[in-house]
C-alpha cells in the first residue's frame, strides 16, 4: 500500500471506497475461522479497515489481535491477492 495518495475514491454509486485486510485462518482440516461482529447477522473473516499509511500486513495483524486476541507471526502470513467487491447498502 506504500505510495497510495490520500485521495478520496468513490464507487459507481458515489459511496466511499474502503481498504481492508482480512485473514483466512484454517485449522488444517479444511475449516476456516469466521467471526461475527457485534450487531451483525453475518459471519466473516477476521480483519478490518487499513489505517492511512499502514501496510496491509500490519493491519491484518492488528485487526486479528483486536478481534480475537490471536497474535500472528508475520512470517506465517501469505498474501493471497487484492480483491474488489461492492459494499452492500443497508437502509
PDB file of N, CA and C in Angstrom:
ATOM      1  N   UNK A   1       0.812  -1.189   0.000  1.00  0.00           N
ATOM      2  CA  UNK A   1       0.000   0.000   0.000  1.00  0.00           C
ATOM      3  C   UNK A   1       0.859   1.259   0.000  1.00  0.00           C
ATOM      4  N   UNK A   2       2.147   1.100   0.047  1.00  0.00           N
ATOM      5  CA  UNK A   2       3.027   2.267   0.067  1.00  0.00           C
ATOM      6  C   UNK A   2       2.824   3.098  -1.181  1.00  0.00           C
ATOM      7  N   UNK A   3       2.875   4.401  -1.021  1.00  0.00           N
ATOM      8  CA  UNK A   3       2.748   5.287  -2.156  1.00  0.00           C
ATOM      9  C   UNK A   3       1.316   5.681  -2.480  1.00  0.00           C
ATOM     10  N   UNK A   4       0.339   5.102  -1.770  1.00  0.00           N
ATOM     11  CA  UNK A   4      -1.046   5.468  -2.047  1.00  0.00           C
ATOM     12  C   UNK A   4      -1.281   6.889  -1.583  1.00  0.00           C
ATOM     13  N   UNK A   5      -1.811   7.722  -2.465  1.00  0.00           N
ATOM     14  CA  UNK A   5      -2.084   9.109  -2.090  1.00  0.00           C
ATOM     15  C   UNK A   5      -3.337   9.185  -1.242  1.00  0.00           C
ATOM     16  N   UNK A   6      -3.418  10.216  -0.443  1.00  0.00           N
ATOM     17  CA  UNK A   6      -4.580  10.410   0.407  1.00  0.00           C
ATOM     18  C   UNK A   6      -5.690  11.062  -0.418  1.00  0.00           C
ATOM     19  N   UNK A   7      -6.277  10.266  -1.302  1.00  0.00           N
ATOM     20  CA  UNK A   7      -7.322  10.747  -2.201  1.00  0.00           C
ATOM     21  C   UNK A   7      -8.591   9.975  -1.887  1.00  0.00           C
ATOM     22  N   UNK A   8      -9.701  10.677  -1.809  1.00  0.00           N
ATOM     23  CA  UNK A   8     -10.965  10.009  -1.547  1.00  0.00           C
ATOM     24  C   UNK A   8     -11.484   9.418  -2.855  1.00  0.00           C
ATOM     25  N   UNK A   9     -11.623   8.116  -2.874  1.00  0.00           N
ATOM     26  CA  UNK A   9     -12.150   7.428  -4.043  1.00  0.00           C
ATOM     27  C   UNK A   9     -13.598   7.068  -3.767  1.00  0.00           C
ATOM     28  N   UNK A  10     -14.396   7.016  -4.819  1.00  0.00           N
ATOM     29  CA  UNK A  10     -15.800   6.661  -4.670  1.00  0.00           C
ATOM     30  C   UNK A  10     -16.161   5.573  -5.660  1.00  0.00           C
ATOM     31  N   UNK A  11     -17.129   4.732  -5.253  1.00  0.00           N
ATOM     32  CA  UNK A  11     -17.593   3.700  -6.161  1.00  0.00           C
ATOM     33  C   UNK A  11     -18.594   4.305  -7.135  1.00  0.00           C
ATOM     34  N   UNK A  12     -19.173   3.469  -7.984  1.00  0.00           N
ATOM     35  CA  UNK A  12     -20.094   3.943  -9.020  1.00  0.00           C
ATOM     36  C   UNK A  12     -21.321   4.648  -8.444  1.00  0.00           C
ATOM     37  N   UNK A  13     -21.711   4.302  -7.228  1.00  0.00           N
ATOM     38  CA  UNK A  13     -22.872   4.929  -6.594  1.00  0.00           C
ATOM     39  C   UNK A  13     -22.503   6.152  -5.776  1.00  0.00           C
ATOM     40  N   UNK A  14     -21.221   6.537  -5.775  1.00  0.00           N
ATOM     41  CA  UNK A  14     -20.791   7.709  -5.042  1.00  0.00           C
ATOM     42  C   UNK A  14     -20.361   7.432  -3.612  1.00  0.00           C
ATOM     43  N   UNK A  15     -20.443   6.184  -3.172  1.00  0.00           N
ATOM     44  CA  UNK A  15     -20.022   5.840  -1.818  1.00  0.00           C
ATOM     45  C   UNK A  15     -18.510   5.749  -1.727  1.00  0.00           C
ATOM     46  N   UNK A  16     -17.958   5.944  -0.546  1.00  0.00           N
ATOM     47  CA  UNK A  16     -16.500   5.883  -0.399  1.00  0.00           C
ATOM     48  C   UNK A  16     -15.992   4.458  -0.577  1.00  0.00           C
ATOM     49  N   UNK A  17     -14.802   4.328  -1.096  1.00  0.00           N
ATOM     50  CA  UNK A  17     -14.134   3.042  -1.202  1.00  0.00           C
ATOM     51  C   UNK A  17     -13.275   2.878   0.043  1.00  0.00           C
ATOM     52  N   UNK A  18     -13.417   1.744   0.698  1.00  0.00           N
ATOM     53  CA  UNK A  18     -12.602   1.469   1.878  1.00  0.00           C
ATOM     54  C   UNK A  18     -11.624   0.347   1.545  1.00  0.00           C
ATOM     55  N   UNK A  19     -10.497   0.353   2.209  1.00  0.00           N
ATOM     56  CA  UNK A  19      -9.475  -0.671   2.019  1.00  0.00           C
ATOM     57  C   UNK A  19      -9.404  -1.481   3.302  1.00  0.00           C
ATOM     58  N   UNK A  20      -9.526  -2.797   3.163  1.00  0.00           N
ATOM     59  CA  UNK A  20      -9.497  -3.668   4.327  1.00  0.00           C
ATOM     60  C   UNK A  20      -8.431  -4.741   4.164  1.00  0.00           C
ATOM     61  N   UNK A  21      -8.071  -5.334   5.275  1.00  0.00           N
ATOM     62  CA  UNK A  21      -7.195  -6.506   5.287  1.00  0.00           C
ATOM     63  C   UNK A  21      -7.926  -7.571   6.099  1.00  0.00           C
ATOM     64  N   UNK A  22      -7.972  -8.789   5.575  1.00  0.00           N
ATOM     65  CA  UNK A  22      -8.674  -9.878   6.254  1.00  0.00           C
ATOM     66  C   UNK A  22      -7.795 -11.115   6.279  1.00  0.00           C
ATOM     67  N   UNK A  23      -8.006 -11.949   7.292  1.00  0.00           N
ATOM     68  CA  UNK A  23      -7.211 -13.165   7.462  1.00  0.00           C
ATOM     69  C   UNK A  23      -8.062 -14.397   7.161  1.00  0.00           C
ATOM     70  N   UNK A  24      -7.514 -15.302   6.388  1.00  0.00           N
ATOM     71  CA  UNK A  24      -8.096 -16.631   6.227  1.00  0.00           C
ATOM     72  C   UNK A  24      -7.304 -17.547   7.146  1.00  0.00           C
ATOM     73  N   UNK A  25      -7.934 -17.962   8.234  1.00  0.00           N
ATOM     74  CA  UNK A  25      -7.260 -18.781   9.235  1.00  0.00           C
ATOM     75  C   UNK A  25      -7.900 -20.167   9.190  1.00  0.00           C
ATOM     76  N   UNK A  26      -7.086 -21.189   8.856  1.00  0.00           N
ATOM     77  CA  UNK A  26      -7.629 -22.542   8.776  1.00  0.00           C
ATOM     78  C   UNK A  26      -7.001 -23.427   9.842  1.00  0.00           C
ATOM     79  N   UNK A  27      -7.670 -24.546  10.111  1.00  0.00           N
ATOM     80  CA  UNK A  27      -7.189 -25.460  11.141  1.00  0.00           C
ATOM     81  C   UNK A  27      -6.464 -26.666  10.562  1.00  0.00           C
ATOM     82  N   UNK A  28      -6.205 -26.680   9.260  1.00  0.00           N
ATOM     83  CA  UNK A  28      -5.534 -27.804   8.634  1.00  0.00           C
ATOM     84  C   UNK A  28      -6.461 -28.947   8.276  1.00  0.00           C
ATOM     85  N   UNK A  29      -7.712 -28.866   8.708  1.00  0.00           N
ATOM     86  CA  UNK A  29      -8.695 -29.909   8.406  1.00  0.00           C
ATOM     87  C   UNK A  29      -9.769 -29.389   7.457  1.00  0.00           C
ATOM     88  N   UNK A  30      -9.473 -28.269   6.793  1.00  0.00           N
ATOM     89  CA  UNK A  30     -10.423 -27.728   5.824  1.00  0.00           C
ATOM     90  C   UNK A  30     -11.452 -26.777   6.403  1.00  0.00           C
ATOM     91  N   UNK A  31     -11.326 -26.416   7.668  1.00  0.00           N
ATOM     92  CA  UNK A  31     -12.281 -25.487   8.285  1.00  0.00           C
ATOM     93  C   UNK A  31     -11.632 -24.124   8.446  1.00  0.00           C
ATOM     94  N   UNK A  32     -12.423 -23.078   8.213  1.00  0.00           N
ATOM     95  CA  UNK A  32     -11.948 -21.699   8.360  1.00  0.00           C
ATOM     96  C   UNK A  32     -12.550 -21.081   9.609  1.00  0.00           C
ATOM     97  N   UNK A  33     -11.769 -20.247  10.267  1.00  0.00           N
ATOM     98  CA  UNK A  33     -12.258 -19.487  11.415  1.00  0.00           C
ATOM     99  C   UNK A  33     -12.980 -18.249  10.901  1.00  0.00           C
ATOM    100  N   UNK A  34     -14.226 -18.087  11.303  1.00  0.00           N
ATOM    101  CA  UNK A  34     -15.006 -16.903  10.961  1.00  0.00           C
ATOM    102  C   UNK A  34     -15.434 -16.220  12.245  1.00  0.00           C
ATOM    103  N   UNK A  35     -15.696 -14.930  12.149  1.00  0.00           N
ATOM    104  CA  UNK A  35     -16.161 -14.148  13.291  1.00  0.00           C
ATOM    105  C   UNK A  35     -17.497 -13.518  12.949  1.00  0.00           C
ATOM    106  N   UNK A  36     -18.256 -13.188  13.972  1.00  0.00           N
ATOM    107  CA  UNK A  36     -19.478 -12.408  13.773  1.00  0.00           C
ATOM    108  C   UNK A  36     -19.363 -11.219  14.701  1.00  0.00           C
ATOM    109  N   UNK A  37     -19.209 -10.046  14.096  1.00  0.00           N
ATOM    110  CA  UNK A  37     -19.022  -8.831  14.873  1.00  0.00           C
ATOM    111  C   UNK A  37     -20.327  -8.430  15.543  1.00  0.00           C
ATOM    112  N   UNK A  38     -20.205  -7.750  16.669  1.00  0.00           N
ATOM    113  CA  UNK A  38     -21.373  -7.309  17.434  1.00  0.00           C
ATOM    114  C   UNK A  38     -22.332  -6.537  16.536  1.00  0.00           C
ATOM    115  N   UNK A  39     -23.606  -6.890  16.606  1.00  0.00           N
ATOM    116  CA  UNK A  39     -24.622  -6.197  15.833  1.00  0.00           C
ATOM    117  C   UNK A  39     -24.772  -6.702  14.409  1.00  0.00           C
ATOM    118  N   UNK A  40     -24.000  -7.707  14.014  1.00  0.00           N
ATOM    119  CA  UNK A  40     -24.070  -8.219  12.642  1.00  0.00           C
ATOM    120  C   UNK A  40     -24.748  -9.586  12.619  1.00  0.00           C
ATOM    121  N   UNK A  41     -25.467  -9.859  11.546  1.00  0.00           N
ATOM    122  CA  UNK A  41     -26.052 -11.187  11.338  1.00  0.00           C
ATOM    123  C   UNK A  41     -25.090 -12.083  10.572  1.00  0.00           C
ATOM    124  N   UNK A  42     -24.048 -11.507  10.002  1.00  0.00           N
ATOM    125  CA  UNK A  42     -23.188 -12.224   9.068  1.00  0.00           C
ATOM    126  C   UNK A  42     -21.874 -12.658   9.706  1.00  0.00           C
ATOM    127  N   UNK A  43     -21.429 -13.841   9.294  1.00  0.00           N
ATOM    128  CA  UNK A  43     -20.094 -14.309   9.660  1.00  0.00           C
ATOM    129  C   UNK A  43     -19.124 -13.840   8.591  1.00  0.00           C
ATOM    130  N   UNK A  44     -17.892 -13.546   8.988  1.00  0.00           N
ATOM    131  CA  UNK A  44     -16.892 -13.028   8.046  1.00  0.00           C
ATOM    132  C   UNK A  44     -15.502 -13.385   8.548  1.00  0.00           C
ATOM    133  N   UNK A  45     -14.515 -13.122   7.705  1.00  0.00           N
ATOM    134  CA  UNK A  45     -13.135 -13.328   8.124  1.00  0.00           C
ATOM    135  C   UNK A  45     -12.741 -12.246   9.117  1.00  0.00           C
ATOM    136  N   UNK A  46     -11.830 -12.585  10.012  1.00  0.00           N
ATOM    137  CA  UNK A  46     -11.292 -11.580  10.925  1.00  0.00           C
ATOM    138  C   UNK A  46     -10.508 -10.557  10.109  1.00  0.00           C
ATOM    139  N   UNK A  47     -10.649  -9.308  10.448  1.00  0.00           N
ATOM    140  CA  UNK A  47      -9.943  -8.244   9.735  1.00  0.00           C
ATOM    141  C   UNK A  47     -10.699  -6.941   9.849  1.00  0.00           C
ATOM    142  N   UNK A  48     -10.229  -5.949   9.129  1.00  0.00           N
ATOM    143  CA  UNK A  48     -10.892  -4.654   9.184  1.00  0.00           C
ATOM    144  C   UNK A  48     -10.184  -3.622   8.334  1.00  0.00           C
ATOM    145  N   UNK A  49     -10.539  -2.376   8.567  1.00  0.00           N
ATOM    146  CA  UNK A  49     -10.030  -1.266   7.758  1.00  0.00           C
ATOM    147  C   UNK A  49      -8.542  -1.036   7.976  1.00  0.00           C
ATOM    148  N   UNK A  50      -7.866  -0.721   6.883  1.00  0.00           N
ATOM    149  CA  UNK A  50      -6.456  -0.364   6.927  1.00  0.00           C
ATOM    150  C   UNK A  50      -6.369   1.124   7.243  1.00  0.00           C
ATOM    151  N   UNK A  51      -5.591   1.464   8.265  1.00  0.00           N
ATOM    152  CA  UNK A  51      -5.408   2.864   8.648  1.00  0.00           C
ATOM    153  C   UNK A  51      -4.541   3.576   7.612  1.00  0.00           C
ATOM    154  N   UNK A  52      -4.715   4.903   7.446  1.00  0.00           N
ATOM    155  CA  UNK A  52      -3.883   5.644   6.485  1.00  0.00           C
ATOM    156  C   UNK A  52      -2.392   5.422   6.743  1.00  0.00           C
ATOM    157  N   UNK A  53      -1.658   5.038   5.700  1.00  0.00           N
ATOM    158  CA  UNK A  53      -0.227   4.815   5.792  1.00  0.00           C
ATOM    159  C   UNK A  53       0.177   3.472   6.378  1.00  0.00           C
ATOM    160  N   UNK A  54      -0.791   2.669   6.805  1.00  0.00           N
ATOM    161  CA  UNK A  54      -0.495   1.379   7.434  1.00  0.00           C
ATOM    162  C   UNK A  54      -0.333   0.292   6.362  1.00  0.00           C
ATOM    163  N   UNK A  55       0.737  -0.483   6.424  1.00  0.00           N
ATOM    164  CA  UNK A  55       0.871  -1.611   5.494  1.00  0.00           C
ATOM    165  C   UNK A  55      -0.235  -2.644   5.743  1.00  0.00           C
ATOM    166  N   UNK A  56      -0.676  -3.322   4.697  1.00  0.00           N
ATOM    167  CA  UNK A  56      -1.777  -4.278   4.846  1.00  0.00           C
ATOM    168  C   UNK A  56      -1.436  -5.403   5.815  1.00  0.00           C
ATOM    169  N   UNK A  57      -0.191  -5.879   5.832  1.00  0.00           N
ATOM    170  CA  UNK A  57       0.193  -6.938   6.768  1.00  0.00           C
ATOM    171  C   UNK A  57       0.072  -6.443   8.209  1.00  0.00           C
ATOM    172  N   UNK A  58       0.522  -5.235   8.483  1.00  0.00           N
ATOM    173  CA  UNK A  58       0.396  -4.671   9.836  1.00  0.00           C
ATOM    174  C   UNK A  58      -1.075  -4.531  10.214  1.00  0.00           C
ATOM    175  N   UNK A  59      -1.918  -4.166   9.251  1.00  0.00           N
ATOM    176  CA  UNK A  59      -3.349  -4.001   9.523  1.00  0.00           C
ATOM    177  C   UNK A  59      -3.995  -5.326   9.900  1.00  0.00           C
ATOM    178  N   UNK A  60      -3.692  -6.377   9.158  1.00  0.00           N
ATOM    179  CA  UNK A  60      -4.325  -7.663   9.467  1.00  0.00           C
ATOM    180  C   UNK A  60      -3.813  -8.206  10.800  1.00  0.00           C
ATOM    181  N   UNK A  61      -2.547  -8.012  11.101  1.00  0.00           N
ATOM    182  CA  UNK A  61      -2.015  -8.442  12.404  1.00  0.00           C
ATOM    183  C   UNK A  61      -2.715  -7.690  13.531  1.00  0.00           C
ATOM    184  N   UNK A  62      -2.873  -6.377  13.378  1.00  0.00           N
ATOM    185  CA  UNK A  62      -3.543  -5.555  14.396  1.00  0.00           C
ATOM    186  C   UNK A  62      -5.004  -5.963  14.552  1.00  0.00           C
ATOM    187  N   UNK A  63      -5.713  -6.101  13.441  1.00  0.00           N
ATOM    188  CA  UNK A  63      -7.141  -6.423  13.485  1.00  0.00           C
ATOM    189  C   UNK A  63      -7.400  -7.790  14.108  1.00  0.00           C
ATOM    190  N   UNK A  64      -6.615  -8.789  13.753  1.00  0.00           N
ATOM    191  CA  UNK A  64      -6.798 -10.134  14.311  1.00  0.00           C
ATOM    192  C   UNK A  64      -6.534 -10.113  15.817  1.00  0.00           C
ATOM    193  N   UNK A  65      -5.506  -9.381  16.230  1.00  0.00           N
ATOM    194  CA  UNK A  65      -5.222  -9.257  17.666  1.00  0.00           C
ATOM    195  C   UNK A  65      -6.392  -8.581  18.388  1.00  0.00           C
ATOM    196  N   UNK A  66      -6.918  -7.495  17.812  1.00  0.00           N
ATOM    197  CA  UNK A  66      -8.024  -6.767  18.446  1.00  0.00           C
ATOM    198  C   UNK A  66      -9.301  -7.601  18.488  1.00  0.00           C
ATOM    199  N   UNK A  67      -9.594  -8.321  17.415  1.00  0.00           N
ATOM    200  CA  UNK A  67     -10.869  -9.033  17.316  1.00  0.00           C
ATOM    201  C   UNK A  67     -10.900 -10.360  18.054  1.00  0.00           C
ATOM    202  N   UNK A  68      -9.829 -11.145  17.952  1.00  0.00           N
ATOM    203  CA  UNK A  68      -9.879 -12.485  18.548  1.00  0.00           C
ATOM    204  C   UNK A  68      -8.715 -12.776  19.491  1.00  0.00           C
ATOM    205  N   UNK A  69      -7.830 -11.800  19.699  1.00  0.00           N
ATOM    206  CA  UNK A  69      -6.737 -11.981  20.642  1.00  0.00           C
ATOM    207  C   UNK A  69      -5.600 -12.856  20.143  1.00  0.00           C
ATOM    208  N   UNK A  70      -5.598 -13.196  18.865  1.00  0.00           N
ATOM    209  CA  UNK A  70      -4.547 -14.029  18.293  1.00  0.00           C
ATOM    210  C   UNK A  70      -3.393 -13.152  17.816  1.00  0.00           C
ATOM    211  N   UNK A  71      -2.187 -13.492  18.232  1.00  0.00           N
ATOM    212  CA  UNK A  71      -1.010 -12.753  17.794  1.00  0.00           C
ATOM    213  C   UNK A  71      -0.387 -13.512  16.637  1.00  0.00           C
ATOM    214  N   UNK A  72      -0.477 -12.928  15.460  1.00  0.00           N
ATOM    215  CA  UNK A  72       0.041 -13.570  14.251  1.00  0.00           C
ATOM    216  C   UNK A  72       1.526 -13.288  14.080  1.00  0.00           C
ATOM    217  N   UNK A  73       2.248 -14.289  13.646  1.00  0.00           N
ATOM    218  CA  UNK A  73       3.649 -14.129  13.284  1.00  0.00           C
ATOM    219  C   UNK A  73       3.680 -13.704  11.815  1.00  0.00           C
ATOM    220  N   UNK A  74       4.273 -12.555  11.505  1.00  0.00           N
ATOM    221  CA  UNK A  74       4.292 -12.095  10.101  1.00  0.00           C
ATOM    222  C   UNK A  74       4.893 -13.128   9.149  1.00  0.00           C
ATOM    223  N   UNK A  75       5.799 -13.976   9.640  1.00  0.00           N
ATOM    224  CA  UNK A  75       6.403 -15.000   8.779  1.00  0.00           C
ATOM    225  C   UNK A  75       5.422 -16.117   8.427  1.00  0.00           C
ATOM    226  N   UNK A  76       4.326 -16.230   9.173  1.00  0.00           N
ATOM    227  CA  UNK A  76       3.310 -17.244   8.882  1.00  0.00           C
ATOM    228  C   UNK A  76       2.244 -16.747   7.915  1.00  0.00           C
ATOM    229  N   UNK A  77       2.289 -15.473   7.567  1.00  0.00           N
ATOM    230  CA  UNK A  77       1.270 -14.885   6.690  1.00  0.00           C
ATOM    231  C   UNK A  77       1.674 -15.015   5.226  1.00  0.00           C
ATOM    232  N   UNK A  78       0.684 -15.229   4.384  1.00  0.00           N
ATOM    233  CA  UNK A  78       0.885 -15.263   2.930  1.00  0.00           C
ATOM    234  C   UNK A  78      -0.104 -14.313   2.286  1.00  0.00           C
ATOM    235  N   UNK A  79       0.372 -13.469   1.402  1.00  0.00           N
ATOM    236  CA  UNK A  79      -0.515 -12.553   0.684  1.00  0.00           C
ATOM    237  C   UNK A  79      -1.264 -13.346  -0.376  1.00  0.00           C
ATOM    238  N   UNK A  80      -2.582 -13.311  -0.331  1.00  0.00           N
ATOM    239  CA  UNK A  80      -3.389 -14.088  -1.271  1.00  0.00           C
ATOM    240  C   UNK A  80      -3.872 -13.270  -2.455  1.00  0.00           C
ATOM    241  N   UNK A  81      -3.787 -11.938  -2.377  1.00  0.00           N
ATOM    242  CA  UNK A  81      -4.201 -11.116  -3.503  1.00  0.00           C
ATOM    243  C   UNK A  81      -5.009  -9.913  -3.076  1.00  0.00           C
ATOM    244  N   UNK A  82      -5.386  -9.134  -4.071  1.00  0.00           N
ATOM    245  CA  UNK A  82      -6.240  -7.960  -3.874  1.00  0.00           C
ATOM    246  C   UNK A  82      -7.555  -8.226  -4.596  1.00  0.00           C
ATOM    247  N   UNK A  83      -8.645  -7.940  -3.917  1.00  0.00           N
ATOM    248  CA  UNK A  83      -9.958  -8.228  -4.461  1.00  0.00           C
ATOM    249  C   UNK A  83     -10.846  -7.005  -4.318  1.00  0.00           C
ATOM    250  N   UNK A  84     -11.768  -6.833  -5.234  1.00  0.00           N
ATOM    251  CA  UNK A  84     -12.675  -5.689  -5.231  1.00  0.00           C
ATOM    252  C   UNK A  84     -14.099  -6.228  -5.238  1.00  0.00           C
ATOM    253  N   UNK A  85     -14.928  -5.654  -4.389  1.00  0.00           N
ATOM    254  CA  UNK A  85     -16.340  -6.063  -4.329  1.00  0.00           C
ATOM    255  C   UNK A  85     -17.174  -4.867  -3.888  1.00  0.00           C
ATOM    256  N   UNK A  86     -18.399  -4.788  -4.381  1.00  0.00           N
ATOM    257  CA  UNK A  86     -19.273  -3.708  -3.917  1.00  0.00           C
ATOM    258  C   UNK A  86     -19.689  -3.948  -2.466  1.00  0.00           C
ATOM    259  N   UNK A  87     -19.858  -2.860  -1.745  1.00  0.00           N
ATOM    260  CA  UNK A  87     -20.319  -2.929  -0.377  1.00  0.00           C
ATOM    261  C   UNK A  87     -21.843  -2.916  -0.379  1.00  0.00           C
ATOM    262  N   UNK A  88     -22.488  -3.820   0.359  1.00  0.00           N
ATOM    263  CA  UNK A  88     -23.943  -3.778   0.403  1.00  0.00           C
ATOM    264  C   UNK A  88     -24.420  -2.524   1.103  1.00  0.00           C
ATOM    265  N   UNK A  89     -25.448  -1.931   0.584  1.00  0.00           N
ATOM    266  CA  UNK A  89     -26.042  -0.755   1.211  1.00  0.00           C
ATOM    267  C   UNK A  89     -27.256  -1.213   1.995  1.00  0.00           C
ATOM    268  N   UNK A  90     -27.211  -0.992   3.291  1.00  0.00           N
ATOM    269  CA  UNK A  90     -28.312  -1.405   4.146  1.00  0.00           C
ATOM    270  C   UNK A  90     -29.072  -0.168   4.560  1.00  0.00           C
ATOM    271  N   UNK A  91     -30.381  -0.147   4.250  1.00  0.00           N
ATOM    272  CA  UNK A  91     -31.162   1.030   4.623  1.00  0.00           C
ATOM    273  C   UNK A  91     -31.907   0.807   5.908  1.00  0.00           C
TER     274      UNK A  91
END
